[in-house]
Amino acid sequence: MRQEKFKSKSILENRYIQMREKQMRIQILLMAIVLVSCAAFKEAPLRASDYPAGITYSAGGGPATSSSLTEEQIRREVVVLGKQYEGMKYRSGGKEPSTGFDCSGFTGYLFRNFDIDLSANSGTQIQDGKHKNLKDVEPGDLIFFSRSDGGRIFHVAMVVSNNEEGITVIHSTNSNGIIKTNISKDEYWFPKIAGARDVISR
């Protein structure tokens, strides 16, 4: 009788041990799934459509208003916003992300987000703001282009940076859409520079 009780007890103990081992394996498997899921998750990058007109955004993604931003902050933020549209298609007469942009539609849209109203096209935007020497341009300034000295303005771009490497702009081109270009080293754009304007300084 004692031997049977001992045998029965051993069977129960073995079953308990097996059940505990199975539970532990399930827990380990669940933890592994959670860890893999967390490691694989990446926050989706902001798209151009995440920046509606009338709302401006700081580099950290938080909303801001133009009245609360300094000139330096506007220069930085308008470039941050402009870069979100890099790669977007060109659209003649386009002024909104939903359609694509032409050159002046792009600059107009960017600055409209900061309560800075620009004229309708590149030929009139060159009269907005105030003159700036090319060597002194800063992020957010506008650069204009013509095909001949004193000729009609046909294109506008916004400065991204001005350093020892040259002047880099972001603009909507009819051949490549919205791209960044170092115009100081570009054989097509550099000879066509017609002037620069500061539309941010108050």
N, C-alpha and C. Protein backbone atom coordinates (compact mmCIF):
# COMPACT_ATOMS: atom_id res chain seq x y z
N MET A 1 0.83 -1.21 0.00
CA MET A 1 0.00 0.00 0.00
C MET A 1 0.86 1.25 0.00
N ARG A 2 1.92 1.25 0.88
CA ARG A 2 2.82 2.39 0.98
C ARG A 2 3.53 2.62 -0.34
N GLN A 3 3.91 1.53 -1.01
CA GLN A 3 4.61 1.65 -2.30
C GLN A 3 3.70 2.26 -3.36
N GLU A 4 2.39 1.89 -3.35
CA GLU A 4 1.46 2.43 -4.32
C GLU A 4 1.25 3.93 -4.10
N LYS A 5 1.16 4.34 -2.79
CA LYS A 5 1.02 5.77 -2.48
C LYS A 5 2.23 6.55 -2.97
N PHE A 6 3.42 5.95 -2.75
CA PHE A 6 4.65 6.62 -3.17
C PHE A 6 4.69 6.77 -4.69
N LYS A 7 4.26 5.69 -5.37
CA LYS A 7 4.24 5.72 -6.84
C LYS A 7 3.25 6.76 -7.35
N SER A 8 2.05 6.81 -6.72
CA SER A 8 1.03 7.78 -7.11
C SER A 8 1.52 9.21 -6.89
N LYS A 9 2.20 9.42 -5.77
CA LYS A 9 2.74 10.74 -5.45
C LYS A 9 3.79 11.15 -6.47
N SER A 10 4.64 10.22 -6.89
CA SER A 10 5.68 10.50 -7.88
C SER A 10 5.08 10.89 -9.22
N ILE A 11 3.98 10.19 -9.59
CA ILE A 11 3.31 10.49 -10.85
C ILE A 11 2.75 11.90 -10.83
N LEU A 12 2.12 12.26 -9.70
CA LEU A 12 1.57 13.61 -9.56
C LEU A 12 2.65 14.68 -9.61
N GLU A 13 3.78 14.39 -8.93
CA GLU A 13 4.89 15.34 -8.93
C GLU A 13 5.45 15.53 -10.33
N ASN A 14 5.56 14.43 -11.07
CA ASN A 14 6.07 14.51 -12.44
C ASN A 14 5.14 15.31 -13.33
N ARG A 15 3.84 15.08 -13.16
CA ARG A 15 2.86 15.82 -13.96
C ARG A 15 2.92 17.32 -13.63
N TYR A 16 3.08 17.62 -12.35
CA TYR A 16 3.18 19.03 -11.91
C TYR A 16 4.42 19.69 -12.51
N ILE A 17 5.54 18.94 -12.47
CA ILE A 17 6.79 19.47 -13.02
C ILE A 17 6.65 19.71 -14.52
N GLN A 18 6.03 18.75 -15.22
CA GLN A 18 5.84 18.89 -16.66
C GLN A 18 4.93 20.08 -16.99
N MET A 19 3.88 20.26 -16.16
CA MET A 19 2.97 21.38 -16.37
C MET A 19 3.69 22.71 -16.16
N ARG A 20 4.51 22.79 -15.11
CA ARG A 20 5.26 24.01 -14.83
C ARG A 20 6.25 24.31 -15.96
N GLU A 21 6.92 23.26 -16.46
CA GLU A 21 7.86 23.45 -17.55
C GLU A 21 7.15 23.97 -18.80
N LYS A 22 5.96 23.42 -19.07
CA LYS A 22 5.18 23.88 -20.22
C LYS A 22 4.77 25.34 -20.07
N GLN A 23 4.34 25.73 -18.86
CA GLN A 23 3.96 27.12 -18.59
C GLN A 23 5.16 28.05 -18.79
N MET A 24 6.31 27.63 -18.31
CA MET A 24 7.52 28.46 -18.45
C MET A 24 7.91 28.63 -19.91
N ARG A 25 7.77 27.53 -20.69
CA ARG A 25 8.10 27.62 -22.11
C ARG A 25 7.17 28.60 -22.82
N ILE A 26 5.88 28.58 -22.46
CA ILE A 26 4.90 29.49 -23.05
C ILE A 26 5.24 30.94 -22.68
N GLN A 27 5.60 31.17 -21.40
CA GLN A 27 5.95 32.52 -20.95
C GLN A 27 7.18 33.04 -21.68
N ILE A 28 8.18 32.18 -21.83
CA ILE A 28 9.40 32.57 -22.54
C ILE A 28 9.10 32.90 -23.99
N LEU A 29 8.23 32.09 -24.62
CA LEU A 29 7.85 32.33 -26.00
C LEU A 29 7.12 33.66 -26.15
N LEU A 30 6.20 33.94 -25.23
CA LEU A 30 5.46 35.21 -25.27
C LEU A 30 6.39 36.40 -25.08
N MET A 31 7.36 36.28 -24.16
CA MET A 31 8.33 37.37 -23.93
C MET A 31 9.18 37.60 -25.17
N ALA A 32 9.55 36.52 -25.85
CA ALA A 32 10.35 36.64 -27.06
C ALA A 32 9.58 37.36 -28.15
N ILE A 33 8.28 37.02 -28.26
CA ILE A 33 7.44 37.68 -29.28
C ILE A 33 7.33 39.16 -29.00
N VAL A 34 7.14 39.53 -27.71
CA VAL A 34 7.04 40.95 -27.34
C VAL A 34 8.33 41.69 -27.65
N LEU A 35 9.48 41.08 -27.31
CA LEU A 35 10.78 41.72 -27.55
C LEU A 35 11.04 41.92 -29.04
N VAL A 36 10.71 40.90 -29.83
CA VAL A 36 10.90 41.02 -31.28
C VAL A 36 10.02 42.10 -31.86
N SER A 37 8.78 42.17 -31.38
CA SER A 37 7.84 43.18 -31.88
C SER A 37 8.34 44.57 -31.55
N CYS A 38 8.84 44.76 -30.34
CA CYS A 38 9.36 46.08 -29.94
C CYS A 38 10.58 46.47 -30.75
N ALA A 39 11.45 45.49 -30.98
CA ALA A 39 12.67 45.78 -31.74
C ALA A 39 12.36 46.11 -33.18
N ALA A 40 11.31 45.48 -33.72
CA ALA A 40 10.97 45.69 -35.12
C ALA A 40 10.19 46.97 -35.35
N PHE A 41 9.56 47.49 -34.28
CA PHE A 41 8.71 48.68 -34.45
C PHE A 41 9.55 49.92 -34.63
N LYS A 42 9.21 50.71 -35.65
CA LYS A 42 9.84 52.00 -35.87
C LYS A 42 8.74 53.01 -36.14
N GLU A 43 8.89 54.18 -35.52
CA GLU A 43 7.89 55.21 -35.74
C GLU A 43 7.93 55.65 -37.20
N ALA A 44 6.79 55.72 -37.83
CA ALA A 44 6.72 56.13 -39.23
C ALA A 44 7.19 57.57 -39.37
N PRO A 45 8.04 57.88 -40.36
CA PRO A 45 8.50 59.25 -40.55
C PRO A 45 7.35 60.15 -40.97
N LEU A 46 7.47 61.43 -40.62
CA LEU A 46 6.46 62.39 -41.02
C LEU A 46 6.44 62.54 -42.53
N ARG A 47 5.24 62.60 -43.07
CA ARG A 47 5.08 62.83 -44.49
C ARG A 47 4.69 64.28 -44.72
N ALA A 48 4.82 64.70 -45.96
CA ALA A 48 4.46 66.07 -46.28
C ALA A 48 3.01 66.36 -45.91
N SER A 49 2.13 65.36 -46.08
CA SER A 49 0.72 65.58 -45.82
C SER A 49 0.43 65.74 -44.33
N ASP A 50 1.41 65.44 -43.47
CA ASP A 50 1.23 65.63 -42.04
C ASP A 50 1.41 67.09 -41.63
N TYR A 51 1.73 67.95 -42.59
CA TYR A 51 1.96 69.36 -42.32
C TYR A 51 0.89 70.20 -43.01
N PRO A 52 -0.30 70.29 -42.43
CA PRO A 52 -1.34 71.08 -43.08
C PRO A 52 -1.05 72.56 -43.05
N ALA A 53 -1.59 73.28 -44.04
CA ALA A 53 -1.40 74.72 -44.10
C ALA A 53 -2.00 75.37 -42.86
N GLY A 54 -1.33 76.42 -42.37
CA GLY A 54 -1.84 77.16 -41.23
C GLY A 54 -1.27 76.67 -39.92
N ILE A 55 -0.58 75.51 -39.91
CA ILE A 55 0.02 75.00 -38.70
C ILE A 55 1.50 74.80 -38.96
N THR A 56 2.33 75.37 -38.12
CA THR A 56 3.77 75.19 -38.27
C THR A 56 4.27 74.24 -37.20
N TYR A 57 5.43 73.63 -37.47
CA TYR A 57 5.95 72.61 -36.59
C TYR A 57 7.40 72.87 -36.26
N SER A 58 7.75 72.59 -35.01
CA SER A 58 9.14 72.71 -34.62
C SER A 58 9.89 71.48 -35.06
N ALA A 59 11.24 71.54 -34.95
CA ALA A 59 12.06 70.39 -35.37
C ALA A 59 11.73 69.15 -34.55
N GLY A 60 11.24 69.35 -33.33
CA GLY A 60 10.88 68.21 -32.50
C GLY A 60 9.49 67.68 -32.79
N GLY A 61 8.78 68.30 -33.73
CA GLY A 61 7.47 67.80 -34.10
C GLY A 61 6.32 68.49 -33.41
N GLY A 62 6.61 69.42 -32.46
CA GLY A 62 5.54 70.09 -31.74
C GLY A 62 5.01 71.27 -32.51
N PRO A 63 3.72 71.58 -32.31
CA PRO A 63 3.14 72.72 -33.02
C PRO A 63 3.70 74.04 -32.53
N ALA A 64 3.77 75.02 -33.40
CA ALA A 64 4.25 76.34 -33.04
C ALA A 64 3.46 77.36 -33.83
N THR A 65 3.45 78.59 -33.37
CA THR A 65 2.81 79.67 -34.12
C THR A 65 3.87 80.67 -34.50
N SER A 66 3.67 81.36 -35.64
CA SER A 66 4.70 82.28 -36.11
C SER A 66 4.95 83.40 -35.12
N SER A 67 3.91 83.82 -34.41
CA SER A 67 4.07 84.92 -33.46
C SER A 67 4.94 84.52 -32.28
N SER A 68 5.06 83.21 -32.02
CA SER A 68 5.86 82.74 -30.89
C SER A 68 7.28 82.39 -31.30
N LEU A 69 7.58 82.49 -32.59
CA LEU A 69 8.90 82.11 -33.08
C LEU A 69 9.77 83.33 -33.33
N THR A 70 11.05 83.20 -33.02
CA THR A 70 12.00 84.25 -33.35
C THR A 70 12.37 84.12 -34.83
N GLU A 71 13.06 85.14 -35.35
CA GLU A 71 13.51 85.09 -36.75
C GLU A 71 14.38 83.87 -36.98
N GLU A 72 15.28 83.60 -36.05
CA GLU A 72 16.17 82.44 -36.20
C GLU A 72 15.38 81.14 -36.22
N GLN A 73 14.35 81.05 -35.39
CA GLN A 73 13.53 79.84 -35.35
C GLN A 73 12.74 79.67 -36.64
N ILE A 74 12.21 80.77 -37.17
CA ILE A 74 11.47 80.68 -38.44
C ILE A 74 12.39 80.19 -39.55
N ARG A 75 13.61 80.71 -39.59
CA ARG A 75 14.56 80.28 -40.62
C ARG A 75 14.82 78.78 -40.51
N ARG A 76 15.00 78.31 -39.29
CA ARG A 76 15.26 76.89 -39.11
C ARG A 76 14.03 76.05 -39.44
N GLU A 77 12.88 76.47 -38.96
CA GLU A 77 11.67 75.67 -39.13
C GLU A 77 11.16 75.64 -40.56
N VAL A 78 11.31 76.74 -41.29
CA VAL A 78 10.84 76.73 -42.68
C VAL A 78 11.69 75.78 -43.52
N VAL A 79 12.96 75.65 -43.17
CA VAL A 79 13.82 74.67 -43.87
C VAL A 79 13.42 73.25 -43.48
N VAL A 80 13.17 73.03 -42.19
CA VAL A 80 12.72 71.70 -41.75
C VAL A 80 11.45 71.30 -42.48
N LEU A 81 10.52 72.24 -42.58
CA LEU A 81 9.26 71.96 -43.27
C LEU A 81 9.49 71.71 -44.75
N GLY A 82 10.31 72.53 -45.37
CA GLY A 82 10.58 72.36 -46.80
C GLY A 82 11.17 71.01 -47.14
N LYS A 83 12.04 70.51 -46.30
CA LYS A 83 12.69 69.23 -46.56
C LYS A 83 11.70 68.07 -46.53
N GLN A 84 10.57 68.25 -45.85
CA GLN A 84 9.57 67.19 -45.79
C GLN A 84 8.97 66.90 -47.17
N TYR A 85 9.08 67.87 -48.07
CA TYR A 85 8.47 67.73 -49.39
C TYR A 85 9.45 67.28 -50.46
N GLU A 86 10.69 67.04 -50.07
CA GLU A 86 11.70 66.63 -51.05
C GLU A 86 11.24 65.35 -51.75
N GLY A 87 11.31 65.36 -53.07
CA GLY A 87 10.88 64.22 -53.86
C GLY A 87 9.47 64.35 -54.41
N MET A 88 8.74 65.36 -53.96
CA MET A 88 7.38 65.54 -54.47
C MET A 88 7.42 66.01 -55.92
N LYS A 89 6.44 65.62 -56.69
CA LYS A 89 6.40 65.93 -58.11
C LYS A 89 6.17 67.41 -58.37
N TYR A 90 6.61 67.87 -59.53
CA TYR A 90 6.36 69.24 -59.99
C TYR A 90 4.98 69.32 -60.61
N ARG A 91 4.31 70.43 -60.38
CA ARG A 91 3.01 70.66 -61.01
C ARG A 91 2.92 72.13 -61.39
N SER A 92 2.80 72.42 -62.66
CA SER A 92 2.67 73.80 -63.13
C SER A 92 1.45 74.44 -62.48
N GLY A 93 1.67 75.57 -61.82
CA GLY A 93 0.59 76.27 -61.14
C GLY A 93 0.21 75.66 -59.80
N GLY A 94 0.91 74.59 -59.40
CA GLY A 94 0.58 73.91 -58.15
C GLY A 94 0.98 74.71 -56.93
N LYS A 95 0.09 74.77 -55.95
CA LYS A 95 0.33 75.56 -54.75
C LYS A 95 0.03 74.78 -53.47
N GLU A 96 -0.33 73.51 -53.60
CA GLU A 96 -0.72 72.70 -52.45
C GLU A 96 -0.07 71.32 -52.52
N PRO A 97 0.17 70.69 -51.36
CA PRO A 97 0.75 69.34 -51.37
C PRO A 97 -0.12 68.33 -52.10
N SER A 98 -1.42 68.53 -52.09
CA SER A 98 -2.32 67.57 -52.73
C SER A 98 -2.16 67.51 -54.24
N THR A 99 -1.61 68.59 -54.82
CA THR A 99 -1.46 68.63 -56.28
C THR A 99 -0.01 68.57 -56.72
N GLY A 100 0.90 68.93 -55.82
CA GLY A 100 2.29 69.15 -56.22
C GLY A 100 2.50 70.65 -56.38
N PHE A 101 3.76 71.07 -56.55
CA PHE A 101 4.09 72.49 -56.56
C PHE A 101 4.87 72.89 -57.81
N ASP A 102 4.68 74.15 -58.22
CA ASP A 102 5.69 74.77 -59.08
C ASP A 102 6.61 75.54 -58.14
N CYS A 103 7.58 76.26 -58.69
CA CYS A 103 8.61 76.85 -57.83
C CYS A 103 8.05 77.90 -56.86
N SER A 104 7.25 78.83 -57.38
CA SER A 104 6.71 79.89 -56.52
C SER A 104 5.56 79.38 -55.65
N GLY A 105 4.85 78.37 -56.13
CA GLY A 105 3.81 77.76 -55.30
C GLY A 105 4.41 77.09 -54.08
N PHE A 106 5.58 76.49 -54.26
CA PHE A 106 6.28 75.84 -53.15
C PHE A 106 6.73 76.85 -52.11
N THR A 107 7.43 77.90 -52.54
CA THR A 107 7.90 78.91 -51.58
C THR A 107 6.72 79.62 -50.92
N GLY A 108 5.69 79.92 -51.72
CA GLY A 108 4.52 80.58 -51.15
C GLY A 108 3.85 79.74 -50.09
N TYR A 109 3.73 78.44 -50.35
CA TYR A 109 3.09 77.54 -49.39
C TYR A 109 3.91 77.44 -48.11
N LEU A 110 5.22 77.29 -48.23
CA LEU A 110 6.06 77.17 -47.04
C LEU A 110 5.91 78.38 -46.13
N PHE A 111 6.00 79.57 -46.71
CA PHE A 111 5.96 80.77 -45.88
C PHE A 111 4.56 81.10 -45.39
N ARG A 112 3.56 80.64 -46.11
CA ARG A 112 2.18 80.83 -45.65
C ARG A 112 1.96 80.12 -44.32
N ASN A 113 2.68 79.02 -44.10
CA ASN A 113 2.60 78.31 -42.83
C ASN A 113 3.14 79.13 -41.67
N PHE A 114 3.90 80.16 -41.99
CA PHE A 114 4.48 81.03 -40.96
C PHE A 114 3.88 82.43 -41.01
N ASP A 115 2.69 82.53 -41.60
CA ASP A 115 1.97 83.81 -41.71
C ASP A 115 2.77 84.86 -42.47
N ILE A 116 3.56 84.41 -43.42
CA ILE A 116 4.31 85.32 -44.30
C ILE A 116 3.74 85.14 -45.70
N ASP A 117 3.07 86.15 -46.19
CA ASP A 117 2.42 86.07 -47.50
C ASP A 117 3.37 86.54 -48.60
N LEU A 118 3.57 85.70 -49.59
CA LEU A 118 4.40 86.04 -50.74
C LEU A 118 3.51 86.30 -51.95
N SER A 119 4.07 87.00 -52.92
CA SER A 119 3.34 87.25 -54.16
C SER A 119 3.10 85.95 -54.92
N ALA A 120 2.31 86.03 -55.96
CA ALA A 120 1.80 84.83 -56.62
C ALA A 120 2.83 84.06 -57.44
N ASN A 121 3.85 84.74 -58.00
CA ASN A 121 4.80 84.04 -58.87
C ASN A 121 6.21 84.56 -58.64
N SER A 122 7.17 83.86 -59.22
CA SER A 122 8.58 84.21 -58.98
C SER A 122 8.91 85.62 -59.48
N GLY A 123 8.25 86.05 -60.55
CA GLY A 123 8.52 87.38 -61.09
C GLY A 123 8.11 88.50 -60.17
N THR A 124 7.13 88.24 -59.31
CA THR A 124 6.70 89.27 -58.35
C THR A 124 7.26 89.00 -56.95
N GLN A 125 7.57 87.75 -56.64
CA GLN A 125 8.17 87.45 -55.34
C GLN A 125 9.52 88.14 -55.17
N ILE A 126 10.19 88.43 -56.27
CA ILE A 126 11.49 89.10 -56.18
C ILE A 126 11.35 90.52 -55.65
N GLN A 127 10.13 91.01 -55.58
CA GLN A 127 9.88 92.32 -55.00
C GLN A 127 9.47 92.23 -53.53
N ASP A 128 9.23 91.03 -53.04
CA ASP A 128 8.85 90.84 -51.63
C ASP A 128 10.08 90.96 -50.73
N GLY A 129 9.84 91.37 -49.49
CA GLY A 129 10.93 91.45 -48.53
C GLY A 129 11.93 92.52 -48.89
N LYS A 130 13.20 92.25 -48.61
CA LYS A 130 14.24 93.23 -48.90
C LYS A 130 15.46 92.56 -49.53
N HIS A 131 16.22 93.36 -50.26
CA HIS A 131 17.40 92.86 -50.97
C HIS A 131 18.41 92.29 -50.01
N LYS A 132 19.11 91.25 -50.47
CA LYS A 132 20.19 90.66 -49.68
C LYS A 132 21.32 90.28 -50.61
N ASN A 133 22.55 90.58 -50.21
CA ASN A 133 23.71 90.18 -51.00
C ASN A 133 23.82 88.65 -51.01
N LEU A 134 24.20 88.12 -52.14
CA LEU A 134 24.25 86.66 -52.30
C LEU A 134 25.17 86.01 -51.26
N LYS A 135 26.28 86.65 -50.97
CA LYS A 135 27.25 86.06 -50.04
C LYS A 135 26.72 86.01 -48.61
N ASP A 136 25.68 86.79 -48.34
CA ASP A 136 25.15 86.88 -46.98
C ASP A 136 23.86 86.09 -46.77
N VAL A 137 23.41 85.35 -47.78
CA VAL A 137 22.12 84.68 -47.63
C VAL A 137 22.15 83.67 -46.50
N GLU A 138 20.98 83.50 -45.87
CA GLU A 138 20.82 82.59 -44.75
C GLU A 138 19.68 81.61 -45.08
N PRO A 139 19.59 80.52 -44.29
CA PRO A 139 18.47 79.61 -44.49
C PRO A 139 17.14 80.36 -44.44
N GLY A 140 16.28 80.08 -45.40
CA GLY A 140 14.99 80.73 -45.47
C GLY A 140 14.94 81.91 -46.43
N ASP A 141 16.10 82.42 -46.84
CA ASP A 141 16.12 83.49 -47.85
C ASP A 141 15.76 82.90 -49.22
N LEU A 142 15.33 83.75 -50.12
CA LEU A 142 14.94 83.31 -51.47
C LEU A 142 15.97 83.76 -52.49
N ILE A 143 16.25 82.90 -53.45
CA ILE A 143 17.16 83.22 -54.55
C ILE A 143 16.39 83.09 -55.86
N PHE A 144 16.59 84.07 -56.75
CA PHE A 144 15.84 84.13 -58.01
C PHE A 144 16.77 83.95 -59.20
N PHE A 145 16.20 83.49 -60.30
CA PHE A 145 16.99 83.13 -61.47
C PHE A 145 16.36 83.71 -62.74
N SER A 146 17.23 84.13 -63.64
CA SER A 146 16.80 84.58 -64.97
C SER A 146 17.76 84.01 -66.01
N ARG A 147 17.32 83.96 -67.25
CA ARG A 147 18.15 83.35 -68.30
C ARG A 147 19.14 84.34 -68.92
N SER A 148 19.01 85.60 -68.56
CA SER A 148 19.96 86.61 -69.06
C SER A 148 20.02 87.76 -68.08
N ASP A 149 21.08 88.54 -68.14
CA ASP A 149 21.21 89.70 -67.25
C ASP A 149 20.05 90.66 -67.46
N GLY A 150 19.35 90.94 -66.37
CA GLY A 150 18.22 91.84 -66.47
C GLY A 150 17.00 91.22 -67.11
N GLY A 151 17.07 89.92 -67.40
CA GLY A 151 15.95 89.25 -68.06
C GLY A 151 14.84 88.89 -67.09
N ARG A 152 13.79 88.33 -67.63
CA ARG A 152 12.63 87.96 -66.84
C ARG A 152 12.98 86.86 -65.83
N ILE A 153 12.49 87.03 -64.60
CA ILE A 153 12.68 86.01 -63.57
C ILE A 153 11.80 84.81 -63.90
N PHE A 154 12.41 83.63 -63.93
CA PHE A 154 11.63 82.43 -64.28
C PHE A 154 11.63 81.38 -63.18
N HIS A 155 12.39 81.60 -62.10
CA HIS A 155 12.48 80.55 -61.08
C HIS A 155 12.87 81.15 -59.73
N VAL A 156 12.41 80.49 -58.65
CA VAL A 156 12.76 80.89 -57.29
C VAL A 156 13.07 79.64 -56.48
N ALA A 157 14.02 79.78 -55.56
CA ALA A 157 14.41 78.67 -54.68
C ALA A 157 14.63 79.22 -53.28
N MET A 158 14.54 78.35 -52.28
CA MET A 158 14.77 78.77 -50.90
C MET A 158 16.10 78.22 -50.39
N VAL A 159 16.86 79.08 -49.72
CA VAL A 159 18.17 78.69 -49.19
C VAL A 159 18.01 77.70 -48.04
N VAL A 160 18.78 76.63 -48.10
CA VAL A 160 18.85 75.64 -47.03
C VAL A 160 20.09 75.90 -46.18
N SER A 161 21.20 76.21 -46.85
CA SER A 161 22.45 76.46 -46.13
C SER A 161 23.38 77.30 -46.99
N ASN A 162 24.28 78.00 -46.31
CA ASN A 162 25.31 78.80 -46.98
C ASN A 162 26.59 78.64 -46.18
N ASN A 163 27.53 77.85 -46.70
CA ASN A 163 28.76 77.58 -45.97
C ASN A 163 29.92 77.45 -46.96
N GLU A 164 31.03 76.93 -46.48
CA GLU A 164 32.23 76.83 -47.33
C GLU A 164 32.00 75.92 -48.53
N GLU A 165 31.02 75.05 -48.46
CA GLU A 165 30.71 74.16 -49.58
C GLU A 165 29.90 74.87 -50.67
N GLY A 166 29.32 76.02 -50.32
CA GLY A 166 28.50 76.75 -51.27
C GLY A 166 27.10 76.99 -50.76
N ILE A 167 26.24 77.48 -51.63
CA ILE A 167 24.86 77.76 -51.27
C ILE A 167 23.98 76.61 -51.75
N THR A 168 23.30 75.98 -50.81
CA THR A 168 22.37 74.90 -51.16
C THR A 168 20.95 75.40 -51.01
N VAL A 169 20.13 75.12 -52.00
CA VAL A 169 18.73 75.55 -51.98
C VAL A 169 17.83 74.33 -52.11
N ILE A 170 16.56 74.52 -51.77
CA ILE A 170 15.54 73.53 -52.06
C ILE A 170 14.52 74.22 -52.95
N HIS A 171 14.10 73.53 -54.02
CA HIS A 171 13.21 74.15 -54.98
C HIS A 171 12.45 73.10 -55.77
N SER A 172 11.36 73.55 -56.38
CA SER A 172 10.55 72.66 -57.21
C SER A 172 10.93 72.90 -58.67
N THR A 173 11.54 71.89 -59.28
CA THR A 173 11.99 72.00 -60.66
C THR A 173 11.08 71.17 -61.57
N ASN A 174 10.88 71.67 -62.79
CA ASN A 174 9.94 70.96 -63.67
C ASN A 174 10.48 69.62 -64.16
N SER A 175 11.79 69.41 -64.02
CA SER A 175 12.36 68.14 -64.49
C SER A 175 12.48 67.09 -63.39
N ASN A 176 12.75 67.53 -62.15
CA ASN A 176 13.01 66.57 -61.08
C ASN A 176 12.12 66.75 -59.85
N GLY A 177 11.15 67.63 -59.92
CA GLY A 177 10.33 67.87 -58.75
C GLY A 177 11.10 68.62 -57.69
N ILE A 178 10.74 68.41 -56.44
CA ILE A 178 11.39 69.15 -55.34
C ILE A 178 12.69 68.46 -54.96
N ILE A 179 13.77 69.20 -55.10
CA ILE A 179 15.11 68.67 -54.84
C ILE A 179 15.95 69.73 -54.12
N LYS A 180 17.06 69.28 -53.55
CA LYS A 180 18.07 70.20 -53.02
C LYS A 180 19.20 70.30 -54.06
N THR A 181 19.73 71.50 -54.24
CA THR A 181 20.81 71.73 -55.22
C THR A 181 21.84 72.67 -54.63
N ASN A 182 23.11 72.32 -54.77
CA ASN A 182 24.18 73.27 -54.44
C ASN A 182 24.38 74.14 -55.67
N ILE A 183 23.76 75.32 -55.67
CA ILE A 183 23.78 76.15 -56.88
C ILE A 183 25.15 76.76 -57.13
N SER A 184 25.99 76.79 -56.10
CA SER A 184 27.35 77.34 -56.28
C SER A 184 28.19 76.44 -57.18
N LYS A 185 27.82 75.17 -57.25
CA LYS A 185 28.59 74.21 -58.04
C LYS A 185 27.82 73.67 -59.24
N ASP A 186 26.64 74.22 -59.45
CA ASP A 186 25.79 73.71 -60.52
C ASP A 186 25.97 74.54 -61.78
N GLU A 187 26.35 73.92 -62.87
CA GLU A 187 26.65 74.64 -64.11
C GLU A 187 25.40 75.26 -64.73
N TYR A 188 24.25 74.70 -64.45
CA TYR A 188 23.02 75.26 -65.02
C TYR A 188 22.51 76.44 -64.19
N TRP A 189 22.41 76.27 -62.88
CA TRP A 189 21.78 77.28 -62.05
C TRP A 189 22.67 78.46 -61.71
N PHE A 190 23.95 78.22 -61.47
CA PHE A 190 24.82 79.31 -60.99
C PHE A 190 24.86 80.52 -61.93
N PRO A 191 25.02 80.32 -63.24
CA PRO A 191 25.08 81.50 -64.12
C PRO A 191 23.76 82.27 -64.21
N LYS A 192 22.68 81.66 -63.75
CA LYS A 192 21.36 82.27 -63.89
C LYS A 192 20.90 83.00 -62.64
N ILE A 193 21.74 83.03 -61.62
CA ILE A 193 21.34 83.72 -60.37
C ILE A 193 21.15 85.21 -60.65
N ALA A 194 19.97 85.70 -60.25
CA ALA A 194 19.62 87.10 -60.54
C ALA A 194 19.53 87.96 -59.27
N GLY A 195 19.46 87.34 -58.13
CA GLY A 195 19.37 88.12 -56.90
C GLY A 195 18.79 87.31 -55.77
N ALA A 196 18.80 87.91 -54.56
CA ALA A 196 18.31 87.24 -53.37
C ALA A 196 17.46 88.21 -52.54
N ARG A 197 16.48 87.66 -51.84
CA ARG A 197 15.60 88.47 -51.01
C ARG A 197 15.41 87.82 -49.63
N ASP A 198 15.30 88.68 -48.64
CA ASP A 198 15.02 88.27 -47.27
C ASP A 198 13.55 88.62 -46.98
N VAL A 199 12.72 87.59 -46.82
CA VAL A 199 11.30 87.83 -46.56
C VAL A 199 10.94 87.52 -45.09
N ILE A 200 11.95 87.23 -44.29
CA ILE A 200 11.70 86.84 -42.90
C ILE A 200 11.97 87.97 -41.92
N SER A 201 13.09 88.68 -42.11
CA SER A 201 13.45 89.75 -41.16
C SER A 201 12.34 90.78 -41.07
N ARG A 202 12.06 91.18 -39.87
CA ARG A 202 11.00 92.16 -39.63
C ARG A 202 11.55 93.57 -39.68
